[in-house]
C-alpha atoms as a PDB file:
ATOM      1  CA  MET A   1      -1.533  -8.014  12.423  1.00  0.00           C
ATOM      2  CA  HIS A   2      -4.897  -6.241  12.263  1.00  0.00           C
ATOM      3  CA  ASP A   3      -7.631  -8.630  13.430  1.00  0.00           C
ATOM      4  CA  LYS A   4     -10.347  -7.579  10.942  1.00  0.00           C
ATOM      5  CA  PRO A   5     -10.341  -8.082   7.171  1.00  0.00           C
ATOM      6  CA  VAL A   6      -9.226  -4.971   5.313  1.00  0.00           C
ATOM      7  CA  ALA A   7     -10.692  -3.558   2.108  1.00  0.00           C
ATOM      8  CA  LEU A   8      -9.514  -0.677  -0.053  1.00  0.00           C
ATOM      9  CA  VAL A   9     -12.038   0.949  -2.390  1.00  0.00           C
ATOM     10  CA  THR A  10     -10.621   3.526  -4.788  1.00  0.00           C
ATOM     11  CA  GLY A  11     -12.713   6.562  -5.648  1.00  0.00           C
ATOM     12  CA  ALA A  12     -14.852   5.866  -2.596  1.00  0.00           C
ATOM     13  CA  ASN A  13     -15.754   9.320  -1.343  1.00  0.00           C
ATOM     14  CA  LYS A  14     -18.984   9.336  -3.394  1.00  0.00           C
ATOM     15  CA  GLY A  15     -21.235   7.372  -5.723  1.00  0.00           C
ATOM     16  CA  ILE A  16     -20.821   3.654  -6.321  1.00  0.00           C
ATOM     17  CA  GLY A  17     -17.469   3.543  -4.523  1.00  0.00           C
ATOM     18  CA  ARG A  18     -18.949   4.948  -1.353  1.00  0.00           C
ATOM     19  CA  ALA A  19     -21.855   2.478  -1.542  1.00  0.00           C
ATOM     20  CA  ILE A  20     -19.387  -0.414  -1.908  1.00  0.00           C
ATOM     21  CA  ALA A  21     -17.351   0.898   1.031  1.00  0.00           C
ATOM     22  CA  SER A  22     -20.477   1.233   3.175  1.00  0.00           C
ATOM     23  CA  GLU A  23     -21.597  -2.318   2.452  1.00  0.00           C
ATOM     24  CA  LEU A  24     -18.179  -3.815   3.181  1.00  0.00           C
ATOM     25  CA  ALA A  25     -17.970  -1.861   6.442  1.00  0.00           C
ATOM     26  CA  ALA A  26     -21.399  -3.235   7.370  1.00  0.00           C
ATOM     27  CA  ARG A  27     -19.997  -6.728   6.742  1.00  0.00           C
ATOM     28  CA  GLY A  28     -17.285  -6.195   9.351  1.00  0.00           C
ATOM     29  CA  TYR A  29     -14.409  -4.992   7.199  1.00  0.00           C
ATOM     30  CA  THR A  30     -12.026  -2.204   8.011  1.00  0.00           C
ATOM     31  CA  VAL A  31     -12.634  -0.124   4.899  1.00  0.00           C
ATOM     32  CA  LEU A  32     -10.143   2.315   3.474  1.00  0.00           C
ATOM     33  CA  VAL A  33     -11.985   5.073   1.640  1.00  0.00           C
ATOM     34  CA  GLY A  34      -9.603   5.941  -1.179  1.00  0.00           C
ATOM     35  CA  ALA A  35      -9.970   9.552  -2.317  1.00  0.00           C
ATOM     36  CA  ARG A  36      -7.837  12.103  -4.156  1.00  0.00           C
ATOM     37  CA  ASP A  37      -9.195  14.805  -1.838  1.00  0.00           C
ATOM     38  CA  LEU A  38      -8.482  13.692   1.724  1.00  0.00           C
ATOM     39  CA  VAL A  39     -11.008  16.132   3.195  1.00  0.00           C
ATOM     40  CA  ARG A  40     -13.789  14.584   1.095  1.00  0.00           C
ATOM     41  CA  GLY A  41     -12.513  11.139   1.957  1.00  0.00           C
ATOM     42  CA  GLU A  42     -12.629  11.918   5.666  1.00  0.00           C
ATOM     43  CA  ALA A  43     -16.171  13.265   5.377  1.00  0.00           C
ATOM     44  CA  ALA A  44     -17.273  10.097   3.564  1.00  0.00           C
ATOM     45  CA  ALA A  45     -15.546   7.844   6.111  1.00  0.00           C
ATOM     46  CA  LYS A  46     -17.296   9.626   8.986  1.00  0.00           C
ATOM     47  CA  ALA A  47     -20.654   9.107   7.308  1.00  0.00           C
ATOM     48  CA  ILE A  48     -20.110   5.354   6.910  1.00  0.00           C
ATOM     49  CA  ALA A  49     -21.275   3.177   9.788  1.00  0.00           C
ATOM     50  CA  GLY A  50     -18.515   0.859  10.966  1.00  0.00           C
ATOM     51  CA  ASP A  51     -14.736   0.982  10.699  1.00  0.00           C
ATOM     52  CA  ALA A  52     -14.117   3.288   7.741  1.00  0.00           C
ATOM     53  CA  ARG A  53     -10.901   5.273   7.353  1.00  0.00           C
ATOM     54  CA  ALA A  54      -9.960   7.857   4.753  1.00  0.00           C
ATOM     55  CA  LEU A  55      -6.903   7.131   2.641  1.00  0.00           C
ATOM     56  CA  ALA A  56      -5.341   9.775   0.416  1.00  0.00           C
ATOM     57  CA  LEU A  57      -4.985   8.104  -2.975  1.00  0.00           C
ATOM     58  CA  ASP A  58      -4.691   9.627  -6.413  1.00  0.00           C
ATOM     59  CA  VAL A  59      -4.705   6.540  -8.626  1.00  0.00           C
ATOM     60  CA  THR A  60      -2.921   8.389 -11.435  1.00  0.00           C
ATOM     61  CA  ASP A  61       0.023   9.466  -9.249  1.00  0.00           C
ATOM     62  CA  ALA A  62       2.808   6.939  -8.576  1.00  0.00           C
ATOM     63  CA  GLY A  63       3.935   8.707  -5.408  1.00  0.00           C
ATOM     64  CA  SER A  64       0.416   8.745  -3.989  1.00  0.00           C
ATOM     65  CA  ILE A  65      -0.036   5.028  -4.752  1.00  0.00           C
ATOM     66  CA  ALA A  66       3.276   4.149  -3.075  1.00  0.00           C
ATOM     67  CA  ALA A  67       2.425   6.238  -0.013  1.00  0.00           C
ATOM     68  CA  ALA A  68      -0.990   4.584   0.300  1.00  0.00           C
ATOM     69  CA  ALA A  69       0.512   1.092   0.067  1.00  0.00           C
ATOM     70  CA  GLY A  70       3.102   2.048   2.677  1.00  0.00           C
ATOM     71  CA  ARG A  71       0.477   3.296   5.081  1.00  0.00           C
ATOM     72  CA  ILE A  72      -1.574   0.117   4.731  1.00  0.00           C
ATOM     73  CA  ARG A  73       1.511  -2.025   5.299  1.00  0.00           C
ATOM     74  CA  GLU A  74       2.564  -0.080   8.397  1.00  0.00           C
ATOM     75  CA  GLU A  75      -0.868   0.320  10.010  1.00  0.00           C
ATOM     76  CA  LEU A  76      -2.739  -2.825   8.988  1.00  0.00           C
ATOM     77  CA  GLY A  77      -0.214  -5.321   7.637  1.00  0.00           C
ATOM     78  CA  ARG A  78      -2.334  -6.740   4.839  1.00  0.00           C
ATOM     79  CA  LEU A  79      -5.141  -6.141   2.363  1.00  0.00           C
ATOM     80  CA  ASP A  80      -7.955  -8.655   1.919  1.00  0.00           C
ATOM     81  CA  VAL A  81      -9.949  -6.829  -0.761  1.00  0.00           C
ATOM     82  CA  LEU A  82      -9.014  -4.314  -3.439  1.00  0.00           C
ATOM     83  CA  VAL A  83     -11.892  -2.733  -5.350  1.00  0.00           C
ATOM     84  CA  ASN A  84     -10.603  -0.732  -8.309  1.00  0.00           C
ATOM     85  CA  ASN A  85     -13.619   1.544  -8.600  1.00  0.00           C
ATOM     86  CA  ALA A  86     -12.122   4.916  -9.525  1.00  0.00           C
ATOM     87  CA  GLY A  87     -12.932   5.765 -13.107  1.00  0.00           C
ATOM     88  CA  ILE A  88     -13.906   8.574 -15.446  1.00  0.00           C
ATOM     89  CA  ALA A  89     -15.986   8.812 -18.611  1.00  0.00           C
ATOM     90  CA  ARG A  90     -14.564  12.101 -19.814  1.00  0.00           C
ATOM     91  CA  SER A  91     -11.664  14.458 -19.299  1.00  0.00           C
ATOM     92  CA  SER A  92     -11.700  16.501 -16.103  1.00  0.00           C
ATOM     93  CA  ALA A  93     -11.625  19.554 -18.368  1.00  0.00           C
ATOM     94  CA  SER A  94     -14.867  18.574 -20.110  1.00  0.00           C
ATOM     95  CA  THR A  95     -18.243  19.910 -19.164  1.00  0.00           C
ATOM     96  CA  SER A  96     -20.630  17.470 -17.524  1.00  0.00           C
ATOM     97  CA  GLY A  97     -23.339  15.782 -19.491  1.00  0.00           C
ATOM     98  CA  SER A  98     -25.616  12.817 -19.994  1.00  0.00           C
ATOM     99  CA  LEU A  99     -24.396   9.473 -21.274  1.00  0.00           C
ATOM    100  CA  ALA A 100     -25.432  10.484 -24.800  1.00  0.00           C
ATOM    101  CA  GLU A 101     -23.425  13.712 -24.560  1.00  0.00           C
ATOM    102  CA  ILE A 102     -20.402  11.819 -23.268  1.00  0.00           C
ATOM    103  CA  ALA A 103     -20.772   9.448 -26.204  1.00  0.00           C
ATOM    104  CA  ALA A 104     -20.903  12.357 -28.645  1.00  0.00           C
ATOM    105  CA  ARG A 105     -17.556  13.615 -27.344  1.00  0.00           C
ATOM    106  CA  GLY A 106     -16.150  10.099 -27.788  1.00  0.00           C
ATOM    107  CA  ARG A 107     -17.338   9.792 -31.392  1.00  0.00           C
ATOM    108  CA  PRO A 108     -14.536   8.032 -33.327  1.00  0.00           C
ATOM    109  CA  SER A 109     -14.338  10.648 -36.063  1.00  0.00           C
ATOM    110  CA  SER A 110     -13.953  13.634 -33.750  1.00  0.00           C
ATOM    111  CA  ALA A 111     -12.841  12.486 -30.288  1.00  0.00           C
ATOM    112  CA  SER A 112     -10.050  14.395 -28.605  1.00  0.00           C
ATOM    113  CA  LEU A 113      -6.984  12.184 -28.313  1.00  0.00           C
ATOM    114  CA  ALA A 114      -5.992  14.056 -25.164  1.00  0.00           C
ATOM    115  CA  GLU A 115      -9.324  13.165 -23.582  1.00  0.00           C
ATOM    116  CA  VAL A 116      -9.052   9.521 -24.672  1.00  0.00           C
ATOM    117  CA  ARG A 117      -5.585   9.347 -23.101  1.00  0.00           C
ATOM    118  CA  GLU A 118      -6.870  10.810 -19.845  1.00  0.00           C
ATOM    119  CA  VAL A 119      -9.715   8.298 -19.690  1.00  0.00           C
ATOM    120  CA  PHE A 120      -7.314   5.396 -20.298  1.00  0.00           C
ATOM    121  CA  GLU A 121      -4.892   6.795 -17.710  1.00  0.00           C
ATOM    122  CA  THR A 122      -7.518   6.487 -14.980  1.00  0.00           C
ATOM    123  CA  ASN A 123      -9.551   3.508 -16.152  1.00  0.00           C
ATOM    124  CA  VAL A 124      -6.705   1.224 -17.285  1.00  0.00           C
ATOM    125  CA  PHE A 125      -3.171   2.272 -16.419  1.00  0.00           C
ATOM    126  CA  ALA A 126      -4.103   3.360 -12.895  1.00  0.00           C
ATOM    127  CA  VAL A 127      -5.756   0.001 -12.217  1.00  0.00           C
ATOM    128  CA  ILE A 128      -2.563  -1.790 -13.250  1.00  0.00           C
ATOM    129  CA  ALA A 129      -0.442   0.526 -11.095  1.00  0.00           C
ATOM    130  CA  VAL A 130      -2.633   0.265  -7.995  1.00  0.00           C
ATOM    131  CA  THR A 131      -2.976  -3.513  -8.322  1.00  0.00           C
ATOM    132  CA  GLN A 132       0.780  -3.977  -8.693  1.00  0.00           C
ATOM    133  CA  ALA A 133       1.425  -1.835  -5.612  1.00  0.00           C
ATOM    134  CA  MET A 134      -1.172  -3.656  -3.510  1.00  0.00           C
ATOM    135  CA  LEU A 135      -0.306  -7.220  -4.551  1.00  0.00           C
ATOM    136  CA  PRO A 136       2.252  -7.802  -1.766  1.00  0.00           C
ATOM    137  CA  LEU A 137      -0.424  -6.785   0.762  1.00  0.00           C
ATOM    138  CA  LEU A 138      -3.019  -9.023  -0.897  1.00  0.00           C
ATOM    139  CA  ARG A 139      -0.560 -11.918  -0.814  1.00  0.00           C
ATOM    140  CA  ALA A 140      -0.185 -11.335   2.937  1.00  0.00           C
ATOM    141  CA  ALA A 141      -3.929 -11.894   3.448  1.00  0.00           C
ATOM    142  CA  PRO A 142      -5.464 -15.345   3.945  1.00  0.00           C
ATOM    143  CA  ALA A 143      -7.377 -14.966   0.676  1.00  0.00           C
ATOM    144  CA  GLY A 144      -7.124 -11.819  -1.427  1.00  0.00           C
ATOM    145  CA  ARG A 145      -9.886 -10.524  -3.677  1.00  0.00           C
ATOM    146  CA  ILE A 146      -9.525  -7.989  -6.500  1.00  0.00           C
ATOM    147  CA  VAL A 147     -12.650  -6.510  -8.074  1.00  0.00           C
ATOM    148  CA  ASN A 148     -12.404  -4.225 -11.089  1.00  0.00           C
ATOM    149  CA  VAL A 149     -15.470  -2.084 -11.710  1.00  0.00           C
ATOM    150  CA  SER A 150     -16.054  -2.333 -15.440  1.00  0.00           C
ATOM    151  CA  SER A 151     -19.029  -1.722 -17.736  1.00  0.00           C
ATOM    152  CA  ARG A 152     -21.113  -3.684 -20.178  1.00  0.00           C
ATOM    153  CA  VAL A 153     -20.142  -1.182 -22.876  1.00  0.00           C
ATOM    154  CA  GLY A 154     -16.678  -2.740 -22.631  1.00  0.00           C
ATOM    155  CA  SER A 155     -18.068  -6.073 -23.842  1.00  0.00           C
ATOM    156  CA  LEU A 156     -17.321  -6.389 -27.556  1.00  0.00           C
ATOM    157  CA  SER A 157     -19.882  -9.165 -27.870  1.00  0.00           C
ATOM    158  CA  THR A 158     -22.553  -6.938 -26.363  1.00  0.00           C
ATOM    159  CA  ILE A 159     -21.878  -3.684 -28.189  1.00  0.00           C
ATOM    160  CA  SER A 160     -21.662  -5.425 -31.564  1.00  0.00           C
ATOM    161  CA  ALA A 161     -25.199  -6.833 -31.210  1.00  0.00           C
ATOM    162  CA  ALA A 162     -27.659  -5.025 -33.466  1.00  0.00           C
ATOM    163  CA  ASP A 163     -30.315  -4.881 -30.731  1.00  0.00           C
ATOM    164  CA  TYR A 164     -28.109  -3.524 -27.937  1.00  0.00           C
ATOM    165  CA  PRO A 165     -29.822  -0.297 -26.769  1.00  0.00           C
ATOM    166  CA  PHE A 166     -26.553   1.485 -25.955  1.00  0.00           C
ATOM    167  CA  ARG A 167     -24.841   0.516 -29.212  1.00  0.00           C
ATOM    168  CA  GLY A 168     -22.128   3.085 -30.030  1.00  0.00           C
ATOM    169  CA  ILE A 169     -22.438   4.825 -26.684  1.00  0.00           C
ATOM    170  CA  GLY A 170     -18.917   3.909 -25.523  1.00  0.00           C
ATOM    171  CA  GLY A 171     -17.151   5.806 -28.304  1.00  0.00           C
ATOM    172  CA  VAL A 172     -13.361   5.449 -28.528  1.00  0.00           C
ATOM    173  CA  GLY A 173     -12.704   6.546 -24.953  1.00  0.00           C
ATOM    174  CA  TYR A 174     -14.852   5.149 -22.180  1.00  0.00           C
ATOM    175  CA  GLY A 175     -16.027   1.936 -23.863  1.00  0.00           C
ATOM    176  CA  PRO A 176     -12.615   0.831 -25.146  1.00  0.00           C
ATOM    177  CA  SER A 177     -11.062   1.693 -21.779  1.00  0.00           C
ATOM    178  CA  LYS A 178     -13.437  -0.784 -20.155  1.00  0.00           C
ATOM    179  CA  SER A 179     -12.644  -3.388 -22.843  1.00  0.00           C
ATOM    180  CA  ALA A 180      -8.984  -2.931 -21.943  1.00  0.00           C
ATOM    181  CA  LEU A 181      -9.825  -3.172 -18.243  1.00  0.00           C
ATOM    182  CA  ASN A 182     -11.545  -6.490 -18.891  1.00  0.00           C
ATOM    183  CA  ALA A 183      -8.399  -7.753 -20.616  1.00  0.00           C
ATOM    184  CA  VAL A 184      -6.312  -6.530 -17.673  1.00  0.00           C
ATOM    185  CA  THR A 185      -8.645  -8.404 -15.323  1.00  0.00           C
ATOM    186  CA  LEU A 186      -8.098 -11.640 -17.217  1.00  0.00           C
ATOM    187  CA  ALA A 187      -4.340 -11.123 -17.335  1.00  0.00           C
ATOM    188  CA  PHE A 188      -4.074 -10.723 -13.559  1.00  0.00           C
ATOM    189  CA  ALA A 189      -6.488 -13.613 -12.953  1.00  0.00           C
ATOM    190  CA  GLN A 190      -4.397 -15.901 -15.141  1.00  0.00           C
ATOM    191  CA  GLU A 191      -1.116 -14.917 -13.488  1.00  0.00           C
ATOM    192  CA  LEU A 192      -2.596 -15.382 -10.008  1.00  0.00           C
ATOM    193  CA  ALA A 193      -4.584 -18.551 -10.795  1.00  0.00           C
ATOM    194  CA  ASP A 194      -2.364 -20.698  -8.568  1.00  0.00           C
ATOM    195  CA  THR A 195      -2.627 -18.348  -5.582  1.00  0.00           C
ATOM    196  CA  ARG A 196      -5.391 -17.603  -3.084  1.00  0.00           C
ATOM    197  CA  ILE A 197      -6.124 -14.313  -4.878  1.00  0.00           C
ATOM    198  CA  LYS A 198      -9.207 -14.100  -7.108  1.00  0.00           C
ATOM    199  CA  VAL A 199      -9.591 -11.371  -9.738  1.00  0.00           C
ATOM    200  CA  ASN A 200     -12.945 -10.513 -11.316  1.00  0.00           C
ATOM    201  CA  ALA A 201     -14.708  -7.670 -13.116  1.00  0.00           C
ATOM    202  CA  ALA A 202     -18.161  -6.337 -12.260  1.00  0.00           C
ATOM    203  CA  CYS A 203     -20.615  -4.232 -14.236  1.00  0.00           C
ATOM    204  CA  PRO A 204     -22.662  -2.051 -11.856  1.00  0.00           C
ATOM    205  CA  GLY A 205     -25.156  -1.061 -14.561  1.00  0.00           C
ATOM    206  CA  TYR A 206     -26.233   2.367 -15.748  1.00  0.00           C
ATOM    207  CA  THR A 207     -26.281   4.145 -12.400  1.00  0.00           C
ATOM    208  CA  ALA A 208     -27.173   7.687 -11.385  1.00  0.00           C
ATOM    209  CA  THR A 209     -23.796   9.240 -10.530  1.00  0.00           C
ATOM    210  CA  ASP A 210     -21.854  12.447 -11.126  1.00  0.00           C
ATOM    211  CA  MET A 211     -20.229  10.711 -14.107  1.00  0.00           C
ATOM    212  CA  ASN A 212     -23.482  10.957 -16.100  1.00  0.00           C
ATOM    213  CA  ASP A 213     -25.195  13.890 -14.369  1.00  0.00           C
ATOM    214  CA  HIS A 214     -27.296  11.375 -12.440  1.00  0.00           C
ATOM    215  CA  SER A 215     -29.112  10.274 -15.591  1.00  0.00           C
ATOM    216  CA  GLY A 216     -28.859   6.541 -14.879  1.00  0.00           C
ATOM    217  CA  PRO A 217     -31.930   4.611 -13.678  1.00  0.00           C
ATOM    218  CA  ARG A 218     -30.135   2.553 -10.998  1.00  0.00           C
ATOM    219  CA  GLY A 219     -29.290   3.655  -7.486  1.00  0.00           C
ATOM    220  CA  VAL A 220     -25.805   3.282  -6.038  1.00  0.00           C
ATOM    221  CA  ALA A 221     -26.902   0.616  -3.549  1.00  0.00           C
ATOM    222  CA  GLU A 222     -28.097  -1.543  -6.459  1.00  0.00           C
ATOM    223  CA  ALA A 223     -24.886  -0.852  -8.354  1.00  0.00           C
ATOM    224  CA  ALA A 224     -22.767  -1.952  -5.395  1.00  0.00           C
ATOM    225  CA  ARG A 225     -24.335  -5.423  -5.163  1.00  0.00           C
ATOM    226  CA  GLU A 226     -22.195  -7.251  -7.715  1.00  0.00           C
ATOM    227  CA  PRO A 227     -18.842  -5.696  -6.747  1.00  0.00           C
ATOM    228  CA  VAL A 228     -19.560  -6.568  -3.112  1.00  0.00           C
ATOM    229  CA  ARG A 229     -20.561 -10.125  -3.997  1.00  0.00           C
ATOM    230  CA  LEU A 230     -17.285 -10.626  -5.836  1.00  0.00           C
ATOM    231  CA  ALA A 231     -15.329  -9.057  -2.966  1.00  0.00           C
ATOM    232  CA  LEU A 232     -16.836 -11.612  -0.579  1.00  0.00           C
ATOM    233  CA  LEU A 233     -16.298 -14.729  -2.718  1.00  0.00           C
ATOM    234  CA  GLY A 234     -15.438 -17.876  -0.824  1.00  0.00           C
ATOM    235  CA  ALA A 235     -12.601 -20.254  -1.602  1.00  0.00           C
ATOM    236  CA  ASP A 236     -14.745 -22.081  -4.156  1.00  0.00           C
ATOM    237  CA  GLY A 237     -15.655 -18.875  -6.008  1.00  0.00           C
ATOM    238  CA  PRO A 238     -14.547 -18.146  -9.575  1.00  0.00           C
ATOM    239  CA  THR A 239     -11.688 -16.036 -10.856  1.00  0.00           C
ATOM    240  CA  GLY A 240     -11.308 -14.344 -14.225  1.00  0.00           C
ATOM    241  CA  THR A 241     -15.020 -13.587 -14.702  1.00  0.00           C
ATOM    242  CA  PHE A 242     -17.101 -10.610 -15.835  1.00  0.00           C
ATOM    243  CA  SER A 243     -20.624 -10.286 -14.425  1.00  0.00           C
ATOM    244  CA  ASN A 244     -23.469  -8.109 -13.253  1.00  0.00           C
ATOM    245  CA  ASP A 245     -26.161  -8.917 -10.724  1.00  0.00           C
ATOM    246  CA  ASP A 246     -28.062 -10.900 -13.338  1.00  0.00           C
ATOM    247  CA  GLY A 247     -25.125 -13.264 -13.895  1.00  0.00           C
ATOM    248  CA  PRO A 248     -22.136 -13.731 -16.235  1.00  0.00           C
ATOM    249  CA  LEU A 249     -21.525 -11.271 -19.077  1.00  0.00           C
ATOM    250  CA  PRO A 250     -19.701 -11.971 -22.349  1.00  0.00           C
ATOM    251  CA  TRP A 251     -16.267 -10.464 -22.781  1.00  0.00           C
END
């Protein structure tokens, strides 16, 4: 069996995913840079200091997920950390825009159902599919960790507060997809409560990425802090939690 801990980060060829991958590689992990475009994944892996390897992975394609799991099993034998980072805020067919423009397209009265379905496909269903495929590899590790990259706009308690500055920004696509992801996180955590696998959700904060035309105030290194902390939890760490780098968040 591979003698270093192994981490898979989905959507890791850029942005927050790449920052998470870089930090885990710096901590001594063999990091698999999950990317739909293998060429971009290879370029990102080469730019990361440490043991980083590109892994072709389209999280919305069952065949790609199965092939990725097979490669990990054959080459490395286990998976210590799974970071479900890949996510979208809008359809791939949509034009780019700020968070406010994304919210306008997700307005409940006029949102495209096709776009909502595409967002859920990546942000929710793909996380379930990837986690299911990787669970046997996580069970083979001494102590598996699953981190789902969520968002505070998925917190119903938060977005219903009258003073929340991003109230209404999640629309019926992105925000609800993160609410569903939080529920998925809890479901896996509860099923795996009696195992050595811990499952938690992290909010990276409003970060400057391609998803929002780099309109966020936080840098990707800041955004990576909480996902990395949860990936490195010790045996006494929690499971079934939702947090950012300021502490626990309400569901």
